[in-house]
Amino acid sequence: MFASAREAAGTARDTMPGDTVDQVLAGAVARFGADFATVLQSCRVWVNGESADGTSAVTDTDEVAILPPVSGGDK
């Protein structure tokens, strides 16, 4: 987890059960709570470095990354 997702979860890494991205994210919301759920609404999800959606399959060896939007740039 990165940036605001990491802050809301209180950790950068964790292990969640699930066969799909949606199941993994549901477990994360149950574990980390409402603030995490709010942040998650604006995040992108990647599995093993590839963009994924809720129906994407995952296994025990996959890495699911939760990436909040990035802001910044030149002023």
N, C-alpha and C. Protein backbone atom coordinates (compact mmCIF):
# COMPACT_ATOMS: atom_id res chain seq x y z
N MET A 1 0.86 -1.17 0.00
CA MET A 1 0.00 0.00 0.00
C MET A 1 0.90 1.23 0.00
N PHE A 2 0.43 2.26 -0.62
CA PHE A 2 1.23 3.45 -0.78
C PHE A 2 0.47 4.68 -0.27
N ALA A 3 1.23 5.69 0.13
CA ALA A 3 0.73 7.02 0.49
C ALA A 3 -0.48 6.97 1.42
N SER A 4 -1.59 7.57 1.02
CA SER A 4 -2.76 7.68 1.90
C SER A 4 -3.36 6.31 2.23
N ALA A 5 -3.24 5.34 1.35
CA ALA A 5 -3.74 3.99 1.66
C ALA A 5 -2.90 3.37 2.78
N ARG A 6 -1.60 3.56 2.74
CA ARG A 6 -0.71 3.06 3.79
C ARG A 6 -1.03 3.76 5.11
N GLU A 7 -1.25 5.05 5.07
CA GLU A 7 -1.57 5.79 6.29
C GLU A 7 -2.89 5.32 6.89
N ALA A 8 -3.90 5.13 6.06
CA ALA A 8 -5.21 4.70 6.56
C ALA A 8 -5.16 3.28 7.13
N ALA A 9 -4.34 2.42 6.53
CA ALA A 9 -4.22 1.04 7.00
C ALA A 9 -3.29 0.93 8.20
N GLY A 10 -2.36 1.86 8.32
CA GLY A 10 -1.39 1.78 9.40
C GLY A 10 -0.25 0.81 9.11
N THR A 11 -0.14 0.38 7.86
CA THR A 11 0.91 -0.55 7.46
C THR A 11 1.12 -0.45 5.95
N ALA A 12 2.30 -0.81 5.51
CA ALA A 12 2.58 -0.82 4.07
C ALA A 12 2.28 -2.17 3.44
N ARG A 13 2.27 -3.24 4.26
CA ARG A 13 2.07 -4.59 3.74
C ARG A 13 1.23 -5.41 4.69
N ASP A 14 0.48 -6.31 4.10
CA ASP A 14 -0.28 -7.28 4.89
C ASP A 14 -0.67 -8.43 3.98
N THR A 15 -1.13 -9.50 4.55
CA THR A 15 -1.58 -10.65 3.78
C THR A 15 -3.08 -10.80 3.97
N MET A 16 -3.78 -10.90 2.85
CA MET A 16 -5.24 -11.04 2.87
C MET A 16 -5.64 -12.27 2.09
N PRO A 17 -6.61 -13.02 2.58
CA PRO A 17 -7.12 -14.14 1.79
C PRO A 17 -8.04 -13.64 0.68
N GLY A 18 -8.24 -14.45 -0.32
CA GLY A 18 -9.19 -14.13 -1.38
C GLY A 18 -8.75 -14.71 -2.71
N ASP A 19 -9.73 -15.02 -3.54
CA ASP A 19 -9.48 -15.56 -4.87
C ASP A 19 -9.56 -14.51 -5.96
N THR A 20 -10.14 -13.33 -5.62
CA THR A 20 -10.24 -12.22 -6.57
C THR A 20 -9.79 -10.94 -5.87
N VAL A 21 -9.54 -9.93 -6.68
CA VAL A 21 -9.17 -8.62 -6.12
C VAL A 21 -10.27 -8.12 -5.19
N ASP A 22 -11.53 -8.24 -5.60
CA ASP A 22 -12.64 -7.79 -4.74
C ASP A 22 -12.62 -8.48 -3.38
N GLN A 23 -12.35 -9.77 -3.34
CA GLN A 23 -12.30 -10.49 -2.06
C GLN A 23 -11.13 -10.01 -1.20
N VAL A 24 -9.99 -9.77 -1.82
CA VAL A 24 -8.83 -9.27 -1.08
C VAL A 24 -9.13 -7.88 -0.51
N LEU A 25 -9.72 -7.02 -1.33
CA LEU A 25 -10.03 -5.66 -0.87
C LEU A 25 -11.10 -5.66 0.21
N ALA A 26 -12.07 -6.55 0.12
CA ALA A 26 -13.10 -6.66 1.17
C ALA A 26 -12.45 -7.06 2.49
N GLY A 27 -11.50 -7.96 2.44
CA GLY A 27 -10.78 -8.35 3.65
C GLY A 27 -9.99 -7.19 4.23
N ALA A 28 -9.39 -6.39 3.34
CA ALA A 28 -8.62 -5.23 3.80
C ALA A 28 -9.54 -4.20 4.46
N VAL A 29 -10.70 -3.96 3.87
CA VAL A 29 -11.65 -3.01 4.46
C VAL A 29 -12.12 -3.52 5.82
N ALA A 30 -12.39 -4.81 5.93
CA ALA A 30 -12.82 -5.38 7.21
C ALA A 30 -11.73 -5.22 8.26
N ARG A 31 -10.49 -5.39 7.86
CA ARG A 31 -9.37 -5.29 8.81
C ARG A 31 -9.02 -3.86 9.16
N PHE A 32 -9.02 -2.96 8.16
CA PHE A 32 -8.50 -1.61 8.37
C PHE A 32 -9.56 -0.54 8.61
N GLY A 33 -10.82 -0.82 8.30
CA GLY A 33 -11.89 0.08 8.69
C GLY A 33 -12.33 1.12 7.68
N ALA A 34 -13.20 2.01 8.18
CA ALA A 34 -13.89 2.99 7.35
C ALA A 34 -12.96 3.98 6.67
N ASP A 35 -11.93 4.45 7.37
CA ASP A 35 -11.01 5.40 6.75
C ASP A 35 -10.31 4.77 5.55
N PHE A 36 -9.92 3.52 5.69
CA PHE A 36 -9.29 2.81 4.58
C PHE A 36 -10.29 2.65 3.43
N ALA A 37 -11.52 2.31 3.73
CA ALA A 37 -12.54 2.15 2.70
C ALA A 37 -12.74 3.43 1.92
N THR A 38 -12.71 4.56 2.60
CA THR A 38 -12.86 5.86 1.95
C THR A 38 -11.71 6.12 0.99
N VAL A 39 -10.49 5.88 1.44
CA VAL A 39 -9.31 6.08 0.59
C VAL A 39 -9.36 5.13 -0.61
N LEU A 40 -9.77 3.91 -0.39
CA LEU A 40 -9.80 2.89 -1.43
C LEU A 40 -10.67 3.29 -2.62
N GLN A 41 -11.69 4.09 -2.38
CA GLN A 41 -12.61 4.50 -3.45
C GLN A 41 -11.90 5.22 -4.59
N SER A 42 -10.80 5.89 -4.31
CA SER A 42 -10.10 6.66 -5.35
C SER A 42 -8.80 5.99 -5.80
N CYS A 43 -8.57 4.76 -5.37
CA CYS A 43 -7.31 4.07 -5.68
C CYS A 43 -7.40 3.21 -6.93
N ARG A 44 -6.26 2.99 -7.52
CA ARG A 44 -6.09 1.99 -8.58
C ARG A 44 -5.53 0.74 -7.93
N VAL A 45 -5.81 -0.40 -8.53
CA VAL A 45 -5.31 -1.67 -8.00
C VAL A 45 -4.52 -2.37 -9.10
N TRP A 46 -3.36 -2.87 -8.72
CA TRP A 46 -2.50 -3.60 -9.64
C TRP A 46 -2.19 -4.96 -9.03
N VAL A 47 -2.10 -5.96 -9.86
CA VAL A 47 -1.69 -7.30 -9.42
C VAL A 47 -0.41 -7.64 -10.18
N ASN A 48 0.65 -7.86 -9.42
CA ASN A 48 1.96 -8.19 -9.99
C ASN A 48 2.39 -7.19 -11.06
N GLY A 49 2.15 -5.90 -10.80
CA GLY A 49 2.59 -4.86 -11.70
C GLY A 49 1.70 -4.59 -12.89
N GLU A 50 0.53 -5.22 -12.94
CA GLU A 50 -0.41 -5.03 -14.04
C GLU A 50 -1.73 -4.49 -13.49
N SER A 51 -2.32 -3.54 -14.19
CA SER A 51 -3.61 -3.00 -13.78
C SER A 51 -4.64 -4.13 -13.67
N ALA A 52 -5.47 -4.07 -12.63
CA ALA A 52 -6.44 -5.14 -12.38
C ALA A 52 -7.78 -4.54 -11.99
N ASP A 53 -8.84 -5.33 -12.17
CA ASP A 53 -10.15 -4.92 -11.68
C ASP A 53 -10.62 -5.91 -10.62
N GLY A 54 -11.80 -5.69 -10.10
CA GLY A 54 -12.30 -6.49 -8.99
C GLY A 54 -12.45 -7.97 -9.29
N THR A 55 -12.67 -8.30 -10.55
CA THR A 55 -12.85 -9.72 -10.90
C THR A 55 -11.54 -10.43 -11.22
N SER A 56 -10.44 -9.70 -11.21
CA SER A 56 -9.14 -10.32 -11.51
C SER A 56 -8.81 -11.38 -10.46
N ALA A 57 -8.38 -12.53 -10.93
CA ALA A 57 -8.02 -13.64 -10.04
C ALA A 57 -6.68 -13.36 -9.37
N VAL A 58 -6.56 -13.80 -8.13
CA VAL A 58 -5.30 -13.72 -7.40
C VAL A 58 -5.01 -15.05 -6.72
N THR A 59 -3.73 -15.30 -6.49
CA THR A 59 -3.30 -16.49 -5.77
C THR A 59 -2.49 -16.06 -4.56
N ASP A 60 -2.10 -17.02 -3.75
CA ASP A 60 -1.31 -16.74 -2.54
C ASP A 60 0.03 -16.08 -2.84
N THR A 61 0.54 -16.26 -4.05
CA THR A 61 1.86 -15.70 -4.38
C THR A 61 1.79 -14.36 -5.09
N ASP A 62 0.58 -13.86 -5.39
CA ASP A 62 0.43 -12.59 -6.09
C ASP A 62 0.58 -11.41 -5.15
N GLU A 63 1.05 -10.30 -5.71
CA GLU A 63 1.14 -9.05 -4.96
C GLU A 63 0.05 -8.11 -5.49
N VAL A 64 -0.84 -7.70 -4.60
CA VAL A 64 -1.89 -6.75 -4.93
C VAL A 64 -1.44 -5.39 -4.39
N ALA A 65 -1.26 -4.43 -5.28
CA ALA A 65 -0.81 -3.09 -4.88
C ALA A 65 -1.99 -2.13 -4.94
N ILE A 66 -2.11 -1.31 -3.91
CA ILE A 66 -3.18 -0.31 -3.83
C ILE A 66 -2.51 1.05 -3.97
N LEU A 67 -2.86 1.74 -5.06
CA LEU A 67 -2.18 2.98 -5.43
C LEU A 67 -3.15 4.16 -5.44
N PRO A 68 -3.05 5.04 -4.46
CA PRO A 68 -3.88 6.25 -4.46
C PRO A 68 -3.47 7.18 -5.60
N PRO A 69 -4.33 8.12 -5.99
CA PRO A 69 -3.96 9.07 -7.03
C PRO A 69 -2.74 9.89 -6.57
N VAL A 70 -1.95 10.26 -7.54
CA VAL A 70 -0.74 11.03 -7.25
C VAL A 70 -0.98 12.46 -7.71
N SER A 71 -0.60 13.40 -6.87
CA SER A 71 -0.69 14.80 -7.26
C SER A 71 0.69 15.42 -7.18
N GLY A 72 0.81 16.57 -7.75
CA GLY A 72 2.09 17.26 -7.71
C GLY A 72 2.43 17.78 -9.09
N GLY A 73 3.70 18.07 -9.27
CA GLY A 73 4.16 18.58 -10.55
C GLY A 73 4.72 19.98 -10.39
N ASP A 74 4.95 20.61 -11.49
CA ASP A 74 5.53 21.96 -11.47
C ASP A 74 4.50 22.98 -11.03
N LYS A 75 4.99 23.98 -10.36
CA LYS A 75 4.13 25.09 -9.94
C LYS A 75 4.37 26.29 -10.80
